[in-house]
């Protein structure tokens, strides 16, 4: 049986497009636009990182984290403005399971951006990567992320503890997932 090479398929999909968005690999030159949302305490509140305190912090984060992990991360660019407004990622858990996550500039919350961007990665995962399960989790207090997962057809399966270095103790997070069969029924 032939197994899909996840890294090869992701390397072949450096750029993805939706009606309003371009998903593309992040670059060091994205630092000013990333700093715009990564420095916002309200955005950082629902992430694993502290608000960025300087443009240099953002540049260092891109160099240390996003560039070495570029196969799994895309910047979310608004087509009309050409502006980087967020990021989205797939984290392979094993050859048949990935975890989905995102961060979005607060100015773009509530505009349907995340369902549009995440639907694109669901299609890539199920259709090209031949993944069987996509999972995601969000801080329990971040109901808006849960609403995105619900719109995608994901099922809320309960709560799990997750550890993030910026917090002293593990936090309770809501756990969601969708299988390939469930996805196919919706499409």
N, C-alpha and C. Protein backbone atom coordinates (compact mmCIF):
# COMPACT_ATOMS: atom_id res chain seq x y z
N UNK A 1 0.84 -1.18 0.00
CA UNK A 1 0.00 0.00 0.00
C UNK A 1 0.89 1.25 0.00
N UNK A 2 0.60 2.18 -0.88
CA UNK A 2 1.37 3.41 -1.01
C UNK A 2 0.95 4.40 0.06
N UNK A 3 1.94 4.94 0.78
CA UNK A 3 1.67 5.95 1.81
C UNK A 3 2.01 7.33 1.26
N UNK A 4 1.15 8.27 1.49
CA UNK A 4 1.39 9.64 1.06
C UNK A 4 2.54 10.22 1.89
N UNK A 5 3.47 10.87 1.22
CA UNK A 5 4.56 11.57 1.90
C UNK A 5 4.03 12.96 2.25
N UNK A 6 3.63 13.15 3.51
CA UNK A 6 3.01 14.39 3.95
C UNK A 6 3.91 15.59 3.66
N UNK A 7 5.19 15.47 3.96
CA UNK A 7 6.09 16.60 3.73
C UNK A 7 6.20 16.97 2.26
N UNK A 8 6.22 15.97 1.39
CA UNK A 8 6.30 16.24 -0.05
C UNK A 8 5.03 16.96 -0.52
N UNK A 9 3.87 16.49 -0.10
CA UNK A 9 2.61 17.12 -0.52
C UNK A 9 2.54 18.55 0.01
N UNK A 10 2.95 18.77 1.24
CA UNK A 10 2.94 20.13 1.79
C UNK A 10 3.93 21.03 1.05
N UNK A 11 5.08 20.48 0.67
CA UNK A 11 6.06 21.26 -0.10
C UNK A 11 5.50 21.65 -1.46
N UNK A 12 4.63 20.82 -2.01
CA UNK A 12 4.00 21.10 -3.30
C UNK A 12 2.85 22.10 -3.18
N UNK A 13 2.44 22.41 -1.97
CA UNK A 13 1.31 23.33 -1.72
C UNK A 13 1.78 24.50 -0.86
N UNK A 14 2.76 25.21 -1.36
CA UNK A 14 3.31 26.37 -0.66
C UNK A 14 2.31 27.52 -0.60
N UNK A 15 1.46 27.60 -1.62
CA UNK A 15 0.46 28.67 -1.70
C UNK A 15 -0.89 28.04 -1.99
N UNK A 16 -1.90 28.49 -1.27
CA UNK A 16 -3.28 28.04 -1.47
C UNK A 16 -4.14 29.29 -1.59
N UNK A 17 -5.25 29.18 -2.29
CA UNK A 17 -6.12 30.34 -2.44
C UNK A 17 -7.57 29.97 -2.19
N UNK A 18 -8.28 30.93 -1.64
CA UNK A 18 -9.73 30.84 -1.48
C UNK A 18 -10.30 32.07 -2.21
N UNK A 19 -11.58 32.28 -2.08
CA UNK A 19 -12.19 33.43 -2.75
C UNK A 19 -11.57 34.75 -2.31
N UNK A 20 -11.34 34.91 -0.99
CA UNK A 20 -10.85 36.19 -0.47
C UNK A 20 -9.42 36.16 0.05
N UNK A 21 -8.82 34.97 0.10
CA UNK A 21 -7.56 34.83 0.81
C UNK A 21 -6.48 34.13 -0.01
N UNK A 22 -5.25 34.46 0.32
CA UNK A 22 -4.09 33.71 -0.16
C UNK A 22 -3.41 33.16 1.10
N UNK A 23 -3.19 31.86 1.11
CA UNK A 23 -2.43 31.24 2.19
C UNK A 23 -1.05 30.98 1.61
N UNK A 24 -0.04 31.57 2.22
CA UNK A 24 1.32 31.44 1.70
C UNK A 24 2.31 31.34 2.86
N UNK A 25 3.49 30.89 2.54
CA UNK A 25 4.51 30.72 3.56
C UNK A 25 4.94 32.07 4.13
N UNK A 26 5.15 32.09 5.44
CA UNK A 26 5.58 33.31 6.11
C UNK A 26 7.04 33.61 5.80
N UNK A 27 7.38 34.90 5.81
CA UNK A 27 8.73 35.36 5.51
C UNK A 27 9.13 36.38 6.58
N UNK A 28 10.42 36.60 6.71
CA UNK A 28 10.92 37.57 7.67
C UNK A 28 10.33 38.96 7.39
N UNK A 29 10.08 39.25 6.13
CA UNK A 29 9.51 40.55 5.75
C UNK A 29 8.08 40.75 6.26
N UNK A 30 7.45 39.68 6.74
CA UNK A 30 6.09 39.77 7.29
C UNK A 30 6.07 40.31 8.72
N UNK A 31 7.24 40.53 9.31
CA UNK A 31 7.31 40.91 10.72
C UNK A 31 6.45 42.13 11.08
N UNK A 32 6.47 43.23 10.32
CA UNK A 32 5.64 44.37 10.74
C UNK A 32 4.14 44.05 10.79
N UNK A 33 3.64 43.32 9.80
CA UNK A 33 2.22 43.00 9.81
C UNK A 33 1.89 41.96 10.88
N UNK A 34 2.80 41.00 11.11
CA UNK A 34 2.58 40.03 12.18
C UNK A 34 2.61 40.73 13.54
N UNK A 35 3.54 41.66 13.72
CA UNK A 35 3.63 42.40 14.98
C UNK A 35 2.33 43.14 15.25
N UNK A 36 1.68 43.61 14.21
CA UNK A 36 0.41 44.33 14.35
C UNK A 36 -0.62 43.52 15.13
N UNK A 37 -0.69 42.20 14.89
CA UNK A 37 -1.65 41.41 15.65
C UNK A 37 -1.00 40.64 16.81
N UNK A 38 0.28 40.26 16.68
CA UNK A 38 0.93 39.50 17.75
C UNK A 38 1.21 40.35 18.98
N UNK A 39 1.21 41.67 18.84
CA UNK A 39 1.41 42.56 19.99
C UNK A 39 0.11 42.91 20.69
N UNK A 40 -1.02 42.51 20.11
CA UNK A 40 -2.33 42.81 20.68
C UNK A 40 -2.63 41.85 21.83
N UNK A 41 -2.76 42.33 23.06
CA UNK A 41 -3.03 41.45 24.20
C UNK A 41 -4.30 40.62 24.04
N UNK A 42 -5.30 41.17 23.37
CA UNK A 42 -6.55 40.42 23.18
C UNK A 42 -6.34 39.23 22.25
N UNK A 43 -5.52 39.37 21.23
CA UNK A 43 -5.20 38.26 20.33
C UNK A 43 -4.33 37.24 21.07
N UNK A 44 -3.28 37.70 21.74
CA UNK A 44 -2.35 36.81 22.43
C UNK A 44 -3.02 36.07 23.59
N UNK A 45 -4.07 36.62 24.12
CA UNK A 45 -4.79 36.00 25.24
C UNK A 45 -5.21 34.57 24.92
N UNK A 46 -5.53 34.30 23.66
CA UNK A 46 -6.02 32.99 23.27
C UNK A 46 -4.95 32.15 22.56
N UNK A 47 -3.68 32.49 22.76
CA UNK A 47 -2.59 31.77 22.11
C UNK A 47 -1.61 31.23 23.14
N UNK A 48 -0.60 30.56 22.64
CA UNK A 48 0.43 30.01 23.51
C UNK A 48 1.56 31.00 23.78
N UNK A 49 1.49 32.21 23.22
CA UNK A 49 2.58 33.18 23.39
C UNK A 49 2.11 34.45 24.10
N UNK A 50 3.07 35.13 24.70
CA UNK A 50 2.83 36.44 25.30
C UNK A 50 2.75 37.47 24.17
N UNK A 51 2.05 38.58 24.38
CA UNK A 51 2.04 39.62 23.34
C UNK A 51 3.48 40.04 23.01
N UNK A 52 3.75 40.20 21.74
CA UNK A 52 5.09 40.63 21.33
C UNK A 52 5.31 42.06 21.79
N UNK A 53 6.48 42.32 22.38
CA UNK A 53 6.78 43.64 22.93
C UNK A 53 7.58 44.51 21.98
N UNK A 54 8.03 43.94 20.86
CA UNK A 54 8.81 44.72 19.91
C UNK A 54 8.80 44.03 18.55
N UNK A 55 9.11 44.79 17.54
CA UNK A 55 9.24 44.23 16.20
C UNK A 55 10.37 43.21 16.16
N UNK A 56 11.40 43.42 16.94
CA UNK A 56 12.52 42.47 16.98
C UNK A 56 12.06 41.12 17.55
N UNK A 57 11.16 41.13 18.52
CA UNK A 57 10.61 39.88 19.05
C UNK A 57 9.88 39.12 17.95
N UNK A 58 9.10 39.83 17.15
CA UNK A 58 8.38 39.20 16.05
C UNK A 58 9.35 38.65 15.01
N UNK A 59 10.36 39.40 14.66
CA UNK A 59 11.37 38.94 13.69
C UNK A 59 12.05 37.67 14.21
N UNK A 60 12.40 37.67 15.49
CA UNK A 60 13.06 36.50 16.09
C UNK A 60 12.12 35.29 16.09
N UNK A 61 10.83 35.52 16.35
CA UNK A 61 9.86 34.43 16.34
C UNK A 61 9.73 33.83 14.95
N UNK A 62 9.66 34.67 13.95
CA UNK A 62 9.58 34.17 12.57
C UNK A 62 10.82 33.33 12.26
N UNK A 63 11.99 33.84 12.60
CA UNK A 63 13.24 33.13 12.30
C UNK A 63 13.39 31.84 13.09
N UNK A 64 12.97 31.86 14.35
CA UNK A 64 13.15 30.69 15.22
C UNK A 64 12.07 29.63 15.02
N UNK A 65 10.85 30.05 14.76
CA UNK A 65 9.74 29.11 14.75
C UNK A 65 9.13 28.89 13.36
N UNK A 66 8.73 29.97 12.71
CA UNK A 66 7.97 29.82 11.46
C UNK A 66 8.82 29.37 10.28
N UNK A 67 10.00 29.91 10.13
CA UNK A 67 10.83 29.51 8.99
C UNK A 67 11.26 28.04 9.07
N UNK A 68 11.75 27.55 10.23
CA UNK A 68 12.11 26.14 10.30
C UNK A 68 10.92 25.18 10.17
N UNK A 69 9.72 25.64 10.48
CA UNK A 69 8.52 24.80 10.41
C UNK A 69 7.61 25.22 9.27
N UNK A 70 8.19 25.75 8.22
CA UNK A 70 7.39 26.37 7.15
C UNK A 70 6.48 25.40 6.41
N UNK A 71 6.79 24.13 6.39
CA UNK A 71 5.90 23.19 5.70
C UNK A 71 4.50 23.18 6.32
N UNK A 72 4.42 23.46 7.59
CA UNK A 72 3.17 23.29 8.33
C UNK A 72 2.42 24.59 8.63
N UNK A 73 3.00 25.73 8.24
CA UNK A 73 2.42 27.03 8.57
C UNK A 73 2.24 27.88 7.32
N UNK A 74 1.11 28.59 7.28
CA UNK A 74 0.84 29.53 6.20
C UNK A 74 0.44 30.86 6.81
N UNK A 75 0.85 31.93 6.18
CA UNK A 75 0.33 33.24 6.52
C UNK A 75 -0.99 33.42 5.80
N UNK A 76 -1.91 34.12 6.42
CA UNK A 76 -3.21 34.40 5.81
C UNK A 76 -3.15 35.83 5.28
N UNK A 77 -3.26 35.97 3.97
CA UNK A 77 -3.16 37.27 3.32
C UNK A 77 -4.51 37.60 2.68
N UNK A 78 -5.00 38.78 2.97
CA UNK A 78 -6.23 39.26 2.37
C UNK A 78 -5.93 39.66 0.92
N UNK A 79 -6.65 39.09 -0.03
CA UNK A 79 -6.38 39.36 -1.44
C UNK A 79 -6.53 40.84 -1.79
N UNK A 80 -7.58 41.48 -1.31
CA UNK A 80 -7.85 42.86 -1.74
C UNK A 80 -6.79 43.84 -1.26
N UNK A 81 -6.28 43.65 -0.05
CA UNK A 81 -5.29 44.59 0.50
C UNK A 81 -3.86 44.09 0.37
N UNK A 82 -3.69 42.77 0.20
CA UNK A 82 -2.36 42.19 0.18
C UNK A 82 -1.73 42.12 1.57
N UNK A 83 -2.52 42.39 2.60
CA UNK A 83 -2.02 42.45 3.97
C UNK A 83 -2.06 41.08 4.65
N UNK A 84 -0.99 40.76 5.39
CA UNK A 84 -0.96 39.58 6.24
C UNK A 84 -1.87 39.85 7.44
N UNK A 85 -2.87 39.02 7.64
CA UNK A 85 -3.84 39.25 8.71
C UNK A 85 -3.88 38.13 9.74
N UNK A 86 -3.07 37.09 9.52
CA UNK A 86 -3.05 36.00 10.48
C UNK A 86 -2.19 34.86 9.99
N UNK A 87 -2.31 33.75 10.70
CA UNK A 87 -1.58 32.56 10.32
C UNK A 87 -2.42 31.34 10.64
N UNK A 88 -2.11 30.26 9.97
CA UNK A 88 -2.85 29.01 10.13
C UNK A 88 -1.85 27.87 10.01
N UNK A 89 -2.08 26.80 10.74
CA UNK A 89 -1.13 25.69 10.70
C UNK A 89 -1.80 24.33 10.76
N UNK A 90 -1.06 23.36 10.25
CA UNK A 90 -1.37 21.94 10.42
C UNK A 90 -0.19 21.34 11.17
N UNK A 91 -0.47 20.63 12.22
CA UNK A 91 0.58 19.96 12.98
C UNK A 91 0.36 18.46 12.84
N UNK A 92 1.21 17.76 12.08
CA UNK A 92 1.02 16.30 11.96
C UNK A 92 1.22 15.61 13.30
N UNK A 93 0.23 14.83 13.70
CA UNK A 93 0.31 14.03 14.93
C UNK A 93 0.91 12.67 14.57
N UNK A 94 0.42 12.09 13.49
CA UNK A 94 0.97 10.88 12.88
C UNK A 94 0.58 10.91 11.41
N UNK A 95 0.81 9.84 10.66
CA UNK A 95 0.56 9.90 9.22
C UNK A 95 -0.92 10.02 8.84
N UNK A 96 -1.83 9.84 9.76
CA UNK A 96 -3.26 9.92 9.45
C UNK A 96 -4.03 10.93 10.29
N UNK A 97 -3.32 11.68 11.14
CA UNK A 97 -3.97 12.65 12.02
C UNK A 97 -3.17 13.95 12.02
N UNK A 98 -3.88 15.08 11.87
CA UNK A 98 -3.25 16.39 11.99
C UNK A 98 -4.07 17.25 12.95
N UNK A 99 -3.38 18.21 13.54
CA UNK A 99 -4.03 19.20 14.39
C UNK A 99 -4.04 20.52 13.64
N UNK A 100 -5.15 21.21 13.72
CA UNK A 100 -5.36 22.48 13.03
C UNK A 100 -5.38 23.60 14.06
N UNK A 101 -4.79 24.75 13.71
CA UNK A 101 -4.82 25.91 14.59
C UNK A 101 -4.64 27.19 13.81
N UNK A 102 -4.92 28.32 14.45
CA UNK A 102 -4.84 29.61 13.76
C UNK A 102 -4.75 30.77 14.73
N UNK A 103 -4.35 31.91 14.17
CA UNK A 103 -4.33 33.20 14.87
C UNK A 103 -4.79 34.23 13.85
N UNK A 104 -5.63 35.15 14.27
CA UNK A 104 -6.16 36.15 13.33
C UNK A 104 -6.13 37.53 13.97
N UNK A 105 -5.74 38.51 13.18
CA UNK A 105 -5.77 39.91 13.58
C UNK A 105 -7.19 40.24 14.07
N UNK A 106 -7.29 40.87 15.22
CA UNK A 106 -8.59 41.18 15.82
C UNK A 106 -9.48 42.02 14.90
N UNK A 107 -8.87 42.85 14.06
CA UNK A 107 -9.66 43.68 13.13
C UNK A 107 -10.46 42.84 12.14
N UNK A 108 -10.13 41.56 12.03
CA UNK A 108 -10.80 40.69 11.06
C UNK A 108 -11.66 39.61 11.71
N UNK A 109 -11.81 39.66 13.03
CA UNK A 109 -12.68 38.71 13.71
C UNK A 109 -14.12 38.93 13.26
N UNK A 110 -14.88 37.85 13.18
CA UNK A 110 -16.30 37.93 12.87
C UNK A 110 -16.63 38.19 11.41
N UNK A 111 -15.65 38.04 10.50
CA UNK A 111 -15.89 38.29 9.08
C UNK A 111 -15.86 37.02 8.23
N UNK A 112 -15.85 35.86 8.89
CA UNK A 112 -15.84 34.60 8.16
C UNK A 112 -14.49 34.23 7.57
N UNK A 113 -13.44 34.91 8.00
CA UNK A 113 -12.09 34.63 7.47
C UNK A 113 -11.63 33.23 7.89
N UNK A 114 -11.75 32.90 9.17
CA UNK A 114 -11.21 31.62 9.64
C UNK A 114 -11.97 30.41 9.07
N UNK A 115 -13.29 30.42 9.00
CA UNK A 115 -13.93 29.28 8.35
C UNK A 115 -13.46 29.10 6.90
N UNK A 116 -13.25 30.21 6.19
CA UNK A 116 -12.80 30.13 4.81
C UNK A 116 -11.37 29.56 4.72
N UNK A 117 -10.49 30.06 5.56
CA UNK A 117 -9.10 29.59 5.54
C UNK A 117 -8.99 28.14 6.01
N UNK A 118 -9.70 27.79 7.07
CA UNK A 118 -9.60 26.44 7.61
C UNK A 118 -10.23 25.41 6.69
N UNK A 119 -11.30 25.79 6.01
CA UNK A 119 -11.92 24.87 5.04
C UNK A 119 -10.91 24.49 3.96
N UNK A 120 -10.09 25.43 3.56
CA UNK A 120 -9.06 25.18 2.57
C UNK A 120 -8.07 24.11 3.08
N UNK A 121 -7.68 24.20 4.35
CA UNK A 121 -6.75 23.22 4.91
C UNK A 121 -7.41 21.88 5.20
N UNK A 122 -8.71 21.88 5.51
CA UNK A 122 -9.42 20.61 5.64
C UNK A 122 -9.41 19.86 4.31
N UNK A 123 -9.72 20.58 3.24
CA UNK A 123 -9.73 19.96 1.90
C UNK A 123 -8.34 19.42 1.56
N UNK A 124 -7.30 20.20 1.79
CA UNK A 124 -5.93 19.75 1.53
C UNK A 124 -5.62 18.49 2.35
N UNK A 125 -5.96 18.52 3.62
CA UNK A 125 -5.65 17.40 4.51
C UNK A 125 -6.36 16.12 4.09
N UNK A 126 -7.65 16.22 3.83
CA UNK A 126 -8.41 15.02 3.50
C UNK A 126 -8.19 14.56 2.06
N UNK A 127 -8.10 15.50 1.12
CA UNK A 127 -8.01 15.13 -0.29
C UNK A 127 -6.60 14.83 -0.78
N UNK A 128 -5.61 15.56 -0.30
CA UNK A 128 -4.23 15.39 -0.78
C UNK A 128 -3.34 14.63 0.19
N UNK A 129 -3.47 14.93 1.49
CA UNK A 129 -2.64 14.27 2.49
C UNK A 129 -3.19 12.91 2.91
N UNK A 130 -4.44 12.65 2.54
CA UNK A 130 -5.14 11.40 2.88
C UNK A 130 -5.20 11.18 4.39
N UNK A 131 -5.37 12.29 5.11
CA UNK A 131 -5.54 12.24 6.56
C UNK A 131 -6.91 11.63 6.87
N UNK A 132 -7.02 10.96 7.98
CA UNK A 132 -8.29 10.36 8.41
C UNK A 132 -8.99 11.15 9.51
N UNK A 133 -8.20 11.92 10.29
CA UNK A 133 -8.77 12.70 11.40
C UNK A 133 -8.07 14.06 11.48
N UNK A 134 -8.87 15.10 11.61
CA UNK A 134 -8.34 16.43 11.90
C UNK A 134 -8.87 16.83 13.28
N UNK A 135 -7.97 17.22 14.13
CA UNK A 135 -8.37 17.64 15.47
C UNK A 135 -7.96 19.08 15.72
N UNK A 136 -8.59 19.69 16.68
CA UNK A 136 -8.28 21.06 17.06
C UNK A 136 -8.73 21.26 18.49
N UNK A 137 -8.11 22.23 19.13
CA UNK A 137 -8.56 22.58 20.48
C UNK A 137 -8.43 24.08 20.66
N UNK A 138 -9.20 24.59 21.59
CA UNK A 138 -9.15 26.02 21.89
C UNK A 138 -9.35 26.22 23.37
N UNK A 139 -8.83 27.35 23.87
CA UNK A 139 -9.06 27.67 25.27
C UNK A 139 -10.57 27.70 25.48
N UNK A 140 -11.03 27.12 26.54
CA UNK A 140 -12.46 27.02 26.80
C UNK A 140 -13.14 28.39 26.75
N UNK A 141 -12.46 29.43 27.21
CA UNK A 141 -13.07 30.77 27.21
C UNK A 141 -13.14 31.40 25.81
N UNK A 142 -12.49 30.78 24.82
CA UNK A 142 -12.48 31.33 23.46
C UNK A 142 -13.58 30.67 22.62
N UNK A 143 -14.81 31.03 22.91
CA UNK A 143 -15.96 30.42 22.24
C UNK A 143 -15.98 30.70 20.73
N UNK A 144 -15.38 31.81 20.30
CA UNK A 144 -15.38 32.13 18.86
C UNK A 144 -14.62 31.08 18.05
N UNK A 145 -13.52 30.57 18.59
CA UNK A 145 -12.81 29.50 17.89
C UNK A 145 -13.67 28.24 17.84
N UNK A 146 -14.39 27.97 18.91
CA UNK A 146 -15.30 26.83 18.91
C UNK A 146 -16.38 26.98 17.86
N UNK A 147 -16.84 28.18 17.67
CA UNK A 147 -17.87 28.44 16.64
C UNK A 147 -17.31 28.16 15.25
N UNK A 148 -16.05 28.51 14.99
CA UNK A 148 -15.41 28.21 13.71
C UNK A 148 -15.38 26.69 13.52
N UNK A 149 -14.97 25.96 14.54
CA UNK A 149 -14.89 24.51 14.44
C UNK A 149 -16.26 23.90 14.17
N UNK A 150 -17.25 24.45 14.81
CA UNK A 150 -18.63 23.98 14.58
C UNK A 150 -19.05 24.23 13.13
N UNK A 151 -18.74 25.40 12.59
CA UNK A 151 -19.08 25.72 11.20
C UNK A 151 -18.42 24.77 10.22
N UNK A 152 -17.24 24.26 10.58
CA UNK A 152 -16.51 23.34 9.71
C UNK A 152 -17.07 21.92 9.78
N UNK A 153 -18.01 21.69 10.68
CA UNK A 153 -18.57 20.35 10.83
C UNK A 153 -17.83 19.51 11.84
N UNK A 154 -16.90 20.11 12.56
CA UNK A 154 -16.17 19.37 13.58
C UNK A 154 -17.09 19.10 14.75
N UNK A 155 -16.81 18.02 15.46
CA UNK A 155 -17.61 17.64 16.62
C UNK A 155 -16.85 17.98 17.90
N UNK A 156 -17.59 18.56 18.84
CA UNK A 156 -17.01 18.83 20.16
C UNK A 156 -17.02 17.53 20.93
N UNK A 157 -15.83 17.04 21.27
CA UNK A 157 -15.70 15.73 21.90
C UNK A 157 -15.42 15.80 23.39
N UNK A 158 -15.28 17.01 23.91
CA UNK A 158 -15.04 17.14 25.34
C UNK A 158 -13.96 18.15 25.64
N UNK A 159 -13.42 18.02 26.83
CA UNK A 159 -12.37 18.93 27.28
C UNK A 159 -11.13 18.12 27.65
N UNK A 160 -9.97 18.73 27.38
CA UNK A 160 -8.69 18.11 27.73
C UNK A 160 -7.79 19.18 28.34
N UNK A 161 -6.87 18.75 29.17
CA UNK A 161 -5.88 19.68 29.68
C UNK A 161 -4.77 19.84 28.65
N UNK A 162 -4.32 21.07 28.48
CA UNK A 162 -3.22 21.38 27.58
C UNK A 162 -2.24 22.27 28.32
N UNK A 163 -0.96 22.06 28.04
CA UNK A 163 0.06 22.86 28.68
C UNK A 163 0.67 23.84 27.68
N UNK A 164 0.77 25.09 28.09
CA UNK A 164 1.40 26.14 27.31
C UNK A 164 2.43 26.81 28.22
N UNK A 165 3.68 26.95 27.77
CA UNK A 165 4.73 27.49 28.63
C UNK A 165 4.42 28.85 29.26
N UNK A 166 3.59 29.68 28.63
CA UNK A 166 3.33 31.01 29.20
C UNK A 166 2.45 30.94 30.44
N UNK A 167 1.82 29.80 30.69
CA UNK A 167 0.96 29.63 31.86
C UNK A 167 1.65 28.74 32.89
N UNK A 168 1.37 28.99 34.13
CA UNK A 168 1.99 28.22 35.21
C UNK A 168 1.46 26.78 35.23
N UNK A 169 0.17 26.64 35.00
CA UNK A 169 -0.48 25.33 35.11
C UNK A 169 -1.16 24.96 33.80
N UNK A 170 -1.41 23.67 33.61
CA UNK A 170 -2.18 23.27 32.42
C UNK A 170 -3.55 23.95 32.42
N UNK A 171 -4.07 24.21 31.22
CA UNK A 171 -5.38 24.84 31.07
C UNK A 171 -6.36 23.85 30.47
N UNK A 172 -7.61 24.02 30.85
CA UNK A 172 -8.67 23.22 30.26
C UNK A 172 -8.97 23.77 28.87
N UNK A 173 -8.95 22.91 27.86
CA UNK A 173 -9.24 23.31 26.49
C UNK A 173 -10.36 22.44 25.94
N UNK A 174 -11.10 22.99 25.01
CA UNK A 174 -12.15 22.24 24.34
C UNK A 174 -11.53 21.49 23.16
N UNK A 175 -11.87 20.23 23.03
CA UNK A 175 -11.30 19.35 22.01
C UNK A 175 -12.36 19.05 20.94
N UNK A 176 -11.98 19.26 19.68
CA UNK A 176 -12.86 19.04 18.54
C UNK A 176 -12.16 18.15 17.53
N UNK A 177 -12.94 17.44 16.71
CA UNK A 177 -12.36 16.63 15.65
C UNK A 177 -13.39 16.38 14.56
N UNK A 178 -12.88 16.02 13.39
CA UNK A 178 -13.72 15.61 12.27
C UNK A 178 -12.96 14.50 11.54
N UNK A 179 -13.70 13.48 11.12
CA UNK A 179 -13.09 12.39 10.37
C UNK A 179 -13.28 12.62 8.88
N UNK A 180 -12.54 11.90 8.08
CA UNK A 180 -12.67 11.98 6.62
C UNK A 180 -14.09 11.62 6.21
N UNK A 181 -14.66 10.59 6.79
CA UNK A 181 -16.03 10.18 6.44
C UNK A 181 -17.04 11.27 6.78
N UNK A 182 -16.89 11.91 7.94
CA UNK A 182 -17.79 12.99 8.33
C UNK A 182 -17.65 14.18 7.37
N UNK A 183 -16.43 14.49 7.01
CA UNK A 183 -16.16 15.58 6.07
C UNK A 183 -16.81 15.29 4.71
N UNK A 184 -16.64 14.06 4.21
CA UNK A 184 -17.21 13.68 2.92
C UNK A 184 -18.74 13.81 2.92
N UNK A 185 -19.38 13.50 4.03
CA UNK A 185 -20.84 13.64 4.11
C UNK A 185 -21.29 15.10 3.98
N UNK A 186 -20.45 16.01 4.42
CA UNK A 186 -20.78 17.44 4.35
C UNK A 186 -20.47 18.06 2.99
N UNK A 187 -19.66 17.38 2.19
CA UNK A 187 -19.23 17.94 0.92
C UNK A 187 -19.65 17.02 -0.16
